[in-house]
C-alpha atoms as a PDB file:
ATOM      1  CA  MET A   1       8.292  32.211  -0.832  1.00  0.00           C
ATOM      2  CA  ARG A   2       8.982  28.589   0.156  1.00  0.00           C
ATOM      3  CA  ILE A   3       6.184  26.073  -0.380  1.00  0.00           C
ATOM      4  CA  ILE A   4       5.533  22.799   1.440  1.00  0.00           C
ATOM      5  CA  ILE A   5       2.876  20.440   0.111  1.00  0.00           C
ATOM      6  CA  GLU A   6       1.433  17.951   2.580  1.00  0.00           C
ATOM      7  CA  GLU A   7       0.089  14.847   0.904  1.00  0.00           C
ATOM      8  CA  SER A   8      -0.329  11.171   1.860  1.00  0.00           C
ATOM      9  CA  GLY A   9       1.520  11.622   5.141  1.00  0.00           C
ATOM     10  CA  MET A  10       4.520  13.282   3.487  1.00  0.00           C
ATOM     11  CA  ARG A  11       5.783  16.840   3.321  1.00  0.00           C
ATOM     12  CA  PHE A  12       6.985  17.715  -0.169  1.00  0.00           C
ATOM     13  CA  GLY A  13       9.273  20.713  -0.382  1.00  0.00           C
ATOM     14  CA  GLU A  14      10.498  23.200   0.485  1.00  0.00           C
ATOM     15  CA  TYR A  15      10.144  24.590  -3.007  1.00  0.00           C
ATOM     16  CA  GLU A  16      10.315  28.096  -4.382  1.00  0.00           C
ATOM     17  CA  ASP A  17       6.899  29.256  -5.600  1.00  0.00           C
ATOM     18  CA  ASP A  18       8.207  29.552  -9.170  1.00  0.00           C
ATOM     19  CA  GLN A  19       9.233  25.853  -9.161  1.00  0.00           C
ATOM     20  CA  ILE A  20       5.807  24.440  -8.482  1.00  0.00           C
ATOM     21  CA  PHE A  21       2.388  24.224 -10.064  1.00  0.00           C
ATOM     22  CA  GLU A  22      -0.173  22.578  -7.796  1.00  0.00           C
ATOM     23  CA  ILE A  23      -2.262  21.363 -10.698  1.00  0.00           C
ATOM     24  CA  GLU A  24      -4.582  19.286  -8.494  1.00  0.00           C
ATOM     25  CA  LYS A  25      -5.594  22.462  -6.637  1.00  0.00           C
ATOM     26  CA  SER A  26      -5.609  24.703  -9.715  1.00  0.00           C
ATOM     27  CA  ALA A  27      -8.715  26.517 -10.901  1.00  0.00           C
ATOM     28  CA  GLN A  28      -8.247  24.957 -14.332  1.00  0.00           C
ATOM     29  CA  TYR A  29      -8.788  21.538 -12.756  1.00  0.00           C
ATOM     30  CA  THR A  30     -11.132  22.168  -9.827  1.00  0.00           C
ATOM     31  CA  LYS A  31     -13.595  24.466 -11.629  1.00  0.00           C
ATOM     32  CA  ASN A  32     -13.772  22.765 -15.005  1.00  0.00           C
ATOM     33  CA  LEU A  33     -12.627  19.178 -14.940  1.00  0.00           C
ATOM     34  CA  ARG A  34     -12.679  17.386 -11.578  1.00  0.00           C
ATOM     35  CA  GLN A  35     -16.455  17.022 -11.528  1.00  0.00           C
ATOM     36  CA  ASN A  36     -16.307  15.380 -14.976  1.00  0.00           C
ATOM     37  CA  GLY A  37     -14.161  12.427 -13.913  1.00  0.00           C
ATOM     38  CA  ILE A  38     -10.808  13.941 -14.850  1.00  0.00           C
ATOM     39  CA  LYS A  39      -8.025  13.107 -12.389  1.00  0.00           C
ATOM     40  CA  CYS A  40      -4.741  14.911 -11.734  1.00  0.00           C
ATOM     41  CA  CYS A  41      -1.439  14.338 -10.020  1.00  0.00           C
ATOM     42  CA  GLU A  42      -0.614  16.415  -6.960  1.00  0.00           C
ATOM     43  CA  PHE A  43       1.791  18.861  -8.587  1.00  0.00           C
ATOM     44  CA  ILE A  44       4.361  19.618 -11.264  1.00  0.00           C
ATOM     45  CA  LEU A  45       7.856  20.498 -10.062  1.00  0.00           C
ATOM     46  CA  GLN A  46      10.531  22.187 -12.137  1.00  0.00           C
ATOM     47  CA  ARG A  47      14.173  21.757 -11.182  1.00  0.00           C
ATOM     48  CA  GLY A  48      16.439  23.324 -13.752  1.00  0.00           C
ATOM     49  CA  LYS A  49      15.825  21.503 -17.024  1.00  0.00           C
ATOM     50  CA  LYS A  50      13.799  18.742 -15.339  1.00  0.00           C
ATOM     51  CA  LEU A  51      10.039  18.620 -14.977  1.00  0.00           C
ATOM     52  CA  TYR A  52       8.555  16.159 -12.470  1.00  0.00           C
ATOM     53  CA  PHE A  53       4.897  15.144 -12.466  1.00  0.00           C
ATOM     54  CA  ILE A  54       4.383  13.900  -8.908  1.00  0.00           C
ATOM     55  CA  GLU A  55       1.614  11.711  -7.517  1.00  0.00           C
ATOM     56  CA  ALA A  56       1.556  10.587  -3.869  1.00  0.00           C
ATOM     57  CA  LYS A  57      -0.317   7.680  -2.319  1.00  0.00           C
ATOM     58  CA  SER A  58      -0.530   6.340   1.221  1.00  0.00           C
ATOM     59  CA  SER A  59      -1.123   2.750   0.131  1.00  0.00           C
ATOM     60  CA  CYS A  60      -0.632   0.357  -2.733  1.00  0.00           C
ATOM     61  CA  PRO A  61      -2.319  -3.002  -3.248  1.00  0.00           C
ATOM     62  CA  ARG A  62       0.144  -5.784  -3.876  1.00  0.00           C
ATOM     63  CA  GLN A  63       0.072  -8.025  -6.881  1.00  0.00           C
ATOM     64  CA  ILE A  64      -1.227 -11.505  -6.172  1.00  0.00           C
ATOM     65  CA  ALA A  65       1.013 -13.964  -4.409  1.00  0.00           C
ATOM     66  CA  GLY A  66       0.841 -17.708  -5.082  1.00  0.00           C
ATOM     67  CA  SER A  67      -0.248 -18.702  -1.579  1.00  0.00           C
ATOM     68  CA  ILE A  68      -3.444 -16.616  -1.470  1.00  0.00           C
ATOM     69  CA  PRO A  69      -6.756 -18.530  -1.775  1.00  0.00           C
ATOM     70  CA  THR A  70      -8.491 -18.235  -5.176  1.00  0.00           C
ATOM     71  CA  GLY A  71     -11.323 -15.961  -3.994  1.00  0.00           C
ATOM     72  CA  GLU A  72      -8.847 -13.581  -2.431  1.00  0.00           C
ATOM     73  CA  LYS A  73      -6.662 -13.602  -5.548  1.00  0.00           C
ATOM     74  CA  GLU A  74      -9.493 -12.262  -7.686  1.00  0.00           C
ATOM     75  CA  ARG A  75     -10.321  -9.522  -5.182  1.00  0.00           C
ATOM     76  CA  LYS A  76      -6.674  -8.521  -4.786  1.00  0.00           C
ATOM     77  CA  LEU A  77      -6.086  -8.588  -8.532  1.00  0.00           C
ATOM     78  CA  LEU A  78      -9.085  -6.299  -9.093  1.00  0.00           C
ATOM     79  CA  ALA A  79      -7.854  -3.889  -6.403  1.00  0.00           C
ATOM     80  CA  TYR A  80      -4.395  -3.853  -7.982  1.00  0.00           C
ATOM     81  CA  GLN A  81      -5.788  -3.279 -11.493  1.00  0.00           C
ATOM     82  CA  LYS A  82      -8.026  -0.466 -10.218  1.00  0.00           C
ATOM     83  CA  PHE A  83      -5.014   1.167  -8.516  1.00  0.00           C
ATOM     84  CA  VAL A  84      -2.913   0.963 -11.698  1.00  0.00           C
ATOM     85  CA  GLN A  85      -5.756   2.430 -13.767  1.00  0.00           C
ATOM     86  CA  GLU A  86      -6.196   5.302 -11.308  1.00  0.00           C
ATOM     87  CA  ILE A  87      -2.491   6.219 -11.455  1.00  0.00           C
ATOM     88  CA  VAL A  88      -2.456   5.906 -15.252  1.00  0.00           C
ATOM     89  CA  SER A  89      -5.485   8.227 -15.495  1.00  0.00           C
ATOM     90  CA  LYS A  90      -3.937  10.778 -13.150  1.00  0.00           C
ATOM     91  CA  MET A  91      -0.653  10.895 -15.056  1.00  0.00           C
ATOM     92  CA  ARG A  92      -2.299  10.862 -18.476  1.00  0.00           C
ATOM     93  CA  HIS A  93      -4.818  13.582 -17.573  1.00  0.00           C
ATOM     94  CA  THR A  94      -2.151  15.738 -15.934  1.00  0.00           C
ATOM     95  CA  LEU A  95       0.008  15.612 -19.064  1.00  0.00           C
ATOM     96  CA  LEU A  96      -3.003  16.490 -21.215  1.00  0.00           C
ATOM     97  CA  LEU A  97      -4.153  19.343 -19.001  1.00  0.00           C
ATOM     98  CA  TYR A  98      -0.656  20.806 -18.703  1.00  0.00           C
ATOM     99  CA  GLY A  99      -0.225  20.610 -22.483  1.00  0.00           C
ATOM    100  CA  ASN A 100      -3.544  22.394 -22.979  1.00  0.00           C
ATOM    101  CA  ILE A 101      -2.540  25.078 -20.475  1.00  0.00           C
ATOM    102  CA  LEU A 102       0.647  25.617 -22.480  1.00  0.00           C
ATOM    103  CA  LEU A 103      -1.496  25.882 -25.619  1.00  0.00           C
ATOM    104  CA  LYS A 104      -3.595  28.479 -23.749  1.00  0.00           C
ATOM    105  CA  ARG A 105      -6.769  26.459 -24.268  1.00  0.00           C
ATOM    106  CA  TYR A 106      -7.101  26.797 -20.488  1.00  0.00           C
ATOM    107  CA  SER A 107      -6.152  29.805 -18.404  1.00  0.00           C
ATOM    108  CA  GLN A 108      -2.562  30.149 -17.250  1.00  0.00           C
ATOM    109  CA  GLU A 109      -3.788  31.525 -13.935  1.00  0.00           C
ATOM    110  CA  GLY A 110      -1.733  30.313 -10.975  1.00  0.00           C
ATOM    111  CA  ILE A 111       1.046  28.776 -13.047  1.00  0.00           C
ATOM    112  CA  PRO A 112       4.518  30.283 -12.689  1.00  0.00           C
ATOM    113  CA  ALA A 113       5.685  32.091 -15.828  1.00  0.00           C
ATOM    114  CA  ASN A 114       8.682  29.781 -16.217  1.00  0.00           C
ATOM    115  CA  LEU A 115       6.301  26.793 -16.408  1.00  0.00           C
ATOM    116  CA  ALA A 116       3.850  28.559 -18.726  1.00  0.00           C
ATOM    117  CA  ASN A 117       5.884  30.588 -21.180  1.00  0.00           C
ATOM    118  CA  ALA A 118       9.400  29.210 -21.220  1.00  0.00           C
ATOM    119  CA  ASP A 119      10.870  27.131 -24.008  1.00  0.00           C
ATOM    120  CA  LEU A 120      10.473  23.644 -22.564  1.00  0.00           C
ATOM    121  CA  SER A 121      11.701  21.881 -25.707  1.00  0.00           C
ATOM    122  CA  ASP A 122      14.842  20.525 -24.038  1.00  0.00           C
ATOM    123  CA  THR A 123      13.224  19.890 -20.650  1.00  0.00           C
ATOM    124  CA  ILE A 124      13.495  16.330 -19.339  1.00  0.00           C
ATOM    125  CA  ILE A 125      10.164  14.961 -18.096  1.00  0.00           C
ATOM    126  CA  HIS A 126       9.838  12.432 -15.275  1.00  0.00           C
ATOM    127  CA  LEU A 127       6.665  10.804 -13.923  1.00  0.00           C
ATOM    128  CA  ILE A 128       7.006   9.996 -10.209  1.00  0.00           C
ATOM    129  CA  LEU A 129       4.711   7.960  -7.961  1.00  0.00           C
ATOM    130  CA  VAL A 130       5.641   8.141  -4.271  1.00  0.00           C
ATOM    131  CA  ILE A 131       4.033   5.563  -1.989  1.00  0.00           C
ATOM    132  CA  ASN A 132       4.097   6.035   1.771  1.00  0.00           C
ATOM    133  CA  PRO A 133       2.026   3.378   3.572  1.00  0.00           C
ATOM    134  CA  GLN A 134       0.870   4.077   7.114  1.00  0.00           C
ATOM    135  CA  ASN A 135       3.138   1.404   8.573  1.00  0.00           C
ATOM    136  CA  GLY A 136       6.061   3.032   6.739  1.00  0.00           C
ATOM    137  CA  ILE A 137       7.294  -0.248   5.284  1.00  0.00           C
ATOM    138  CA  TRP A 138       6.994  -0.701   1.550  1.00  0.00           C
ATOM    139  CA  LYS A 139       9.448  -1.718  -1.107  1.00  0.00           C
ATOM    140  CA  PRO A 140       8.612  -0.727  -4.661  1.00  0.00           C
ATOM    141  CA  GLU A 141       7.556  -3.710  -6.720  1.00  0.00           C
ATOM    142  CA  PRO A 142       9.140  -3.785 -10.183  1.00  0.00           C
ATOM    143  CA  GLU A 143       5.863  -5.183 -11.569  1.00  0.00           C
ATOM    144  CA  LEU A 144       3.982  -2.027 -10.597  1.00  0.00           C
ATOM    145  CA  GLN A 145       6.485   0.221 -12.340  1.00  0.00           C
ATOM    146  CA  ASP A 146       6.437  -2.092 -15.389  1.00  0.00           C
ATOM    147  CA  ASP A 147       2.621  -2.120 -15.483  1.00  0.00           C
ATOM    148  CA  LEU A 148       2.467   1.679 -15.307  1.00  0.00           C
ATOM    149  CA  ARG A 149       5.068   1.987 -18.055  1.00  0.00           C
ATOM    150  CA  GLN A 150       3.145  -0.461 -20.230  1.00  0.00           C
ATOM    151  CA  HIS A 151      -0.140   1.423 -19.800  1.00  0.00           C
ATOM    152  CA  LEU A 152       1.539   4.785 -20.438  1.00  0.00           C
ATOM    153  CA  LYS A 153       3.841   3.662 -23.265  1.00  0.00           C
ATOM    154  CA  GLU A 154       2.181   5.946 -25.843  1.00  0.00           C
ATOM    155  CA  GLU A 155       2.444   9.003 -23.589  1.00  0.00           C
ATOM    156  CA  ILE A 156       6.057   8.129 -22.777  1.00  0.00           C
ATOM    157  CA  LYS A 157       6.861   8.098 -26.498  1.00  0.00           C
ATOM    158  CA  ILE A 158       4.791  11.154 -27.484  1.00  0.00           C
ATOM    159  CA  TRP A 159       6.035  13.343 -24.619  1.00  0.00           C
ATOM    160  CA  LYS A 160       9.589  11.869 -24.759  1.00  0.00           C
ATOM    161  CA  ILE A 161       9.377  11.091 -21.051  1.00  0.00           C
ATOM    162  CA  LYS A 162      12.753  10.210 -19.587  1.00  0.00           C
ATOM    163  CA  SER A 163      11.495   7.978 -16.784  1.00  0.00           C
ATOM    164  CA  LEU A 164       8.530   6.721 -14.831  1.00  0.00           C
ATOM    165  CA  LEU A 165       9.544   5.839 -11.279  1.00  0.00           C
ATOM    166  CA  VAL A 166       7.684   4.257  -8.390  1.00  0.00           C
ATOM    167  CA  ILE A 167       9.483   5.086  -5.155  1.00  0.00           C
ATOM    168  CA  ASN A 168       8.892   4.951  -1.421  1.00  0.00           C
ATOM    169  CA  ALA A 169       9.190   7.826   1.057  1.00  0.00           C
ATOM    170  CA  GLN A 170      12.792   6.956   1.918  1.00  0.00           C
ATOM    171  CA  THR A 171      13.869   7.254  -1.720  1.00  0.00           C
ATOM    172  CA  ALA A 172      11.789  10.420  -2.111  1.00  0.00           C
ATOM    173  CA  ARG A 173      13.666  11.910   0.831  1.00  0.00           C
ATOM    174  CA  GLU A 174      17.020  10.898  -0.680  1.00  0.00           C
ATOM    175  CA  LYS A 175      16.011  12.576  -3.941  1.00  0.00           C
ATOM    176  CA  HIS A 176      15.006  15.715  -1.995  1.00  0.00           C
ATOM    177  CA  PHE A 177      11.330  15.553  -2.947  1.00  0.00           C
ATOM    178  CA  ILE A 178      10.186  15.351   0.679  1.00  0.00           C
ATOM    179  CA  ILE A 179      11.514  16.792   3.907  1.00  0.00           C
END
């Protein structure tokens, strides 16, 4: 069966049902963790020996620009920092929950067998943030990607994560994440 995931104005897919684990909709997350402040990415996608943890957003606050009045700078900086922290929490919590599912500390219900029981020791892990603003115009800011990498540096080392990418919808389409 082919799966399409609609999120943040984008259509991710079409994926085979054994390629995808919609962790944000999973019973492991919704019944036990969401109400306790735990956050999750949208889904985990397996393509061959690659595992993608994908989060989608329809907006992204910009870092402060020099010409903004002081009062606005503080507000914009706080919004940006809150956004970064939210993405960091989602990626961190998703990695932790997935690891605990693999350890069978949480049920493996709803997770394809190849994502639950396979030897993933040589699997390459990527963290992906796709941003698709309503006006459709957004260029990834290197500072955002750098800030996320800095906040997740321990997880990147522990999990041997190959890359953390912040991309727009156009790049996501080119990489065949969205249709």
